Amino acid sequence: MVEKKRDIFIKIEKISDIVSVLENIRDKDKYLKRLFNEYDKLNLMENKIFENWSSNMDEIIQKLEHVTL
């Protein structure tokens, strides 16, 4: 039996709605990536601040160890 190739076309109604939804998903994805990027930056800044505080506290404690009353 000889096989024949046939193209199958499917009619999609409301394709503009589908495209709109897909664009909306893409936009939200971009927005979320920006938010996570901002969160990462803030987290790094916060960690640096805490490290500085910890370092300063260690210095103060070392200095206080040498103080006698």
N, C-alpha and C. Protein backbone atom coordinates (compact mmCIF):
# COMPACT_ATOMS: atom_id res chain seq x y z
N MET A 1 0.83 -1.17 0.00
CA MET A 1 0.00 0.00 0.00
C MET A 1 0.88 1.24 0.00
N VAL A 2 0.57 2.17 -0.81
CA VAL A 2 1.35 3.39 -0.96
C VAL A 2 0.86 4.43 0.07
N GLU A 3 1.81 4.96 0.80
CA GLU A 3 1.44 5.98 1.78
C GLU A 3 1.46 7.35 1.13
N LYS A 4 0.47 8.11 1.41
CA LYS A 4 0.40 9.47 0.90
C LYS A 4 0.53 10.45 2.05
N LYS A 5 1.33 11.46 1.82
CA LYS A 5 1.46 12.50 2.84
C LYS A 5 0.33 13.49 2.68
N ARG A 6 -0.25 13.84 3.79
CA ARG A 6 -1.32 14.82 3.76
C ARG A 6 -1.05 15.87 4.83
N ASP A 7 -1.24 17.07 4.47
CA ASP A 7 -1.13 18.15 5.44
C ASP A 7 -2.44 18.27 6.19
N ILE A 8 -2.32 18.45 7.47
CA ILE A 8 -3.52 18.63 8.28
C ILE A 8 -3.49 20.05 8.83
N PHE A 9 -4.55 20.77 8.57
CA PHE A 9 -4.66 22.13 9.06
C PHE A 9 -5.76 22.17 10.12
N ILE A 10 -5.44 22.80 11.22
CA ILE A 10 -6.43 22.93 12.29
C ILE A 10 -6.79 24.40 12.41
N LYS A 11 -8.04 24.69 12.38
CA LYS A 11 -8.50 26.06 12.51
C LYS A 11 -8.54 26.42 13.99
N ILE A 12 -7.85 27.47 14.33
CA ILE A 12 -7.84 27.92 15.71
C ILE A 12 -8.66 29.20 15.79
N GLU A 13 -9.72 29.11 16.54
CA GLU A 13 -10.54 30.29 16.72
C GLU A 13 -9.96 31.12 17.86
N LYS A 14 -10.15 32.38 17.75
CA LYS A 14 -9.71 33.33 18.78
C LYS A 14 -8.20 33.25 19.01
N ILE A 15 -7.46 33.18 17.96
CA ILE A 15 -6.00 33.08 18.10
C ILE A 15 -5.43 34.33 18.77
N SER A 16 -6.06 35.45 18.56
CA SER A 16 -5.57 36.68 19.19
C SER A 16 -5.67 36.59 20.71
N ASP A 17 -6.70 35.91 21.22
CA ASP A 17 -6.83 35.72 22.67
C ASP A 17 -5.70 34.84 23.20
N ILE A 18 -5.39 33.80 22.45
CA ILE A 18 -4.32 32.90 22.86
C ILE A 18 -2.98 33.64 22.86
N VAL A 19 -2.75 34.42 21.83
CA VAL A 19 -1.50 35.19 21.75
C VAL A 19 -1.43 36.19 22.90
N SER A 20 -2.53 36.81 23.22
CA SER A 20 -2.58 37.77 24.32
C SER A 20 -2.24 37.10 25.66
N VAL A 21 -2.81 35.93 25.87
CA VAL A 21 -2.52 35.20 27.11
C VAL A 21 -1.04 34.83 27.17
N LEU A 22 -0.48 34.36 26.08
CA LEU A 22 0.93 33.99 26.05
C LEU A 22 1.84 35.20 26.29
N GLU A 23 1.47 36.35 25.72
CA GLU A 23 2.25 37.57 25.96
C GLU A 23 2.15 38.00 27.42
N ASN A 24 0.98 37.84 27.99
CA ASN A 24 0.78 38.17 29.40
C ASN A 24 1.66 37.28 30.28
N ILE A 25 1.72 36.01 29.98
CA ILE A 25 2.56 35.07 30.73
C ILE A 25 4.03 35.48 30.60
N ARG A 26 4.46 35.83 29.39
CA ARG A 26 5.84 36.24 29.17
C ARG A 26 6.16 37.51 29.97
N ASP A 27 5.24 38.47 29.97
CA ASP A 27 5.45 39.72 30.72
C ASP A 27 5.55 39.46 32.22
N LYS A 28 4.70 38.59 32.71
CA LYS A 28 4.75 38.25 34.14
C LYS A 28 6.04 37.53 34.49
N ASP A 29 6.50 36.69 33.60
CA ASP A 29 7.77 36.00 33.81
C ASP A 29 8.92 37.00 33.91
N LYS A 30 8.94 37.97 33.02
CA LYS A 30 9.98 39.00 33.06
C LYS A 30 9.91 39.80 34.35
N TYR A 31 8.69 40.14 34.75
CA TYR A 31 8.50 40.90 35.98
C TYR A 31 8.99 40.12 37.19
N LEU A 32 8.66 38.84 37.25
CA LEU A 32 9.11 37.99 38.36
C LEU A 32 10.62 37.85 38.38
N LYS A 33 11.24 37.74 37.22
CA LYS A 33 12.70 37.66 37.17
C LYS A 33 13.33 38.93 37.72
N ARG A 34 12.74 40.09 37.38
CA ARG A 34 13.26 41.35 37.92
C ARG A 34 13.10 41.39 39.44
N LEU A 35 11.95 40.93 39.93
CA LEU A 35 11.73 40.92 41.38
C LEU A 35 12.73 40.02 42.10
N PHE A 36 12.96 38.84 41.55
CA PHE A 36 13.92 37.93 42.17
C PHE A 36 15.34 38.51 42.12
N ASN A 37 15.65 39.18 41.04
CA ASN A 37 16.95 39.81 40.93
C ASN A 37 17.10 40.90 42.00
N GLU A 38 16.07 41.71 42.18
CA GLU A 38 16.09 42.74 43.22
C GLU A 38 16.22 42.10 44.60
N TYR A 39 15.49 41.04 44.82
CA TYR A 39 15.57 40.34 46.09
C TYR A 39 16.99 39.86 46.36
N ASP A 40 17.62 39.29 45.35
CA ASP A 40 19.00 38.81 45.51
C ASP A 40 19.94 39.96 45.88
N LYS A 41 19.77 41.10 45.21
CA LYS A 41 20.60 42.26 45.52
C LYS A 41 20.39 42.74 46.95
N LEU A 42 19.14 42.83 47.35
CA LEU A 42 18.83 43.25 48.72
C LEU A 42 19.38 42.27 49.74
N ASN A 43 19.27 41.01 49.44
CA ASN A 43 19.77 39.98 50.35
C ASN A 43 21.29 40.10 50.51
N LEU A 44 21.99 40.34 49.42
CA LEU A 44 23.44 40.53 49.50
C LEU A 44 23.80 41.74 50.34
N MET A 45 23.08 42.84 50.13
CA MET A 45 23.35 44.05 50.91
C MET A 45 23.08 43.81 52.39
N GLU A 46 22.00 43.13 52.67
CA GLU A 46 21.66 42.83 54.07
C GLU A 46 22.74 41.98 54.72
N ASN A 47 23.21 40.97 54.00
CA ASN A 47 24.26 40.10 54.55
C ASN A 47 25.54 40.88 54.82
N LYS A 48 25.88 41.82 53.95
CA LYS A 48 27.07 42.64 54.17
C LYS A 48 26.92 43.49 55.42
N ILE A 49 25.73 44.05 55.60
CA ILE A 49 25.48 44.87 56.79
C ILE A 49 25.63 44.03 58.05
N PHE A 50 25.04 42.84 58.06
CA PHE A 50 25.14 41.97 59.23
C PHE A 50 26.58 41.53 59.48
N GLU A 51 27.32 41.28 58.44
CA GLU A 51 28.73 40.91 58.61
C GLU A 51 29.50 42.06 59.23
N ASN A 52 29.23 43.29 58.77
CA ASN A 52 29.90 44.45 59.36
C ASN A 52 29.53 44.61 60.83
N TRP A 53 28.26 44.46 61.15
CA TRP A 53 27.84 44.56 62.54
C TRP A 53 28.54 43.50 63.39
N SER A 54 28.59 42.30 62.88
CA SER A 54 29.22 41.22 63.63
C SER A 54 30.70 41.51 63.84
N SER A 55 31.35 41.98 62.81
CA SER A 55 32.76 42.31 62.91
C SER A 55 32.97 43.43 63.93
N ASN A 56 32.15 44.45 63.87
CA ASN A 56 32.26 45.56 64.83
C ASN A 56 32.01 45.07 66.25
N MET A 57 31.04 44.22 66.42
CA MET A 57 30.75 43.69 67.75
C MET A 57 31.92 42.86 68.28
N ASP A 58 32.52 42.08 67.41
CA ASP A 58 33.69 41.30 67.82
C ASP A 58 34.83 42.22 68.27
N GLU A 59 35.04 43.29 67.54
CA GLU A 59 36.09 44.26 67.92
C GLU A 59 35.79 44.89 69.27
N ILE A 60 34.55 45.25 69.49
CA ILE A 60 34.17 45.86 70.77
C ILE A 60 34.38 44.88 71.91
N ILE A 61 33.99 43.64 71.72
CA ILE A 61 34.15 42.62 72.75
C ILE A 61 35.62 42.39 73.06
N GLN A 62 36.45 42.36 72.03
CA GLN A 62 37.89 42.19 72.24
C GLN A 62 38.46 43.35 73.04
N LYS A 63 38.03 44.55 72.73
CA LYS A 63 38.51 45.72 73.47
C LYS A 63 38.03 45.70 74.91
N LEU A 64 36.81 45.26 75.11
CA LEU A 64 36.26 45.21 76.46
C LEU A 64 36.94 44.14 77.33
N GLU A 65 37.47 43.13 76.71
CA GLU A 65 38.15 42.08 77.47
C GLU A 65 39.39 42.62 78.17
N HIS A 66 39.94 43.68 77.62
CA HIS A 66 41.15 44.27 78.19
C HIS A 66 40.84 45.32 79.26
N VAL A 67 39.60 45.61 79.42
CA VAL A 67 39.22 46.62 80.41
C VAL A 67 39.01 45.93 81.74
N THR A 68 39.60 46.51 82.77
CA THR A 68 39.39 45.96 84.10
C THR A 68 38.72 47.02 84.96
N LEU A 69 37.89 46.56 85.83
CA LEU A 69 37.18 47.49 86.71
C LEU A 69 37.80 47.52 88.07
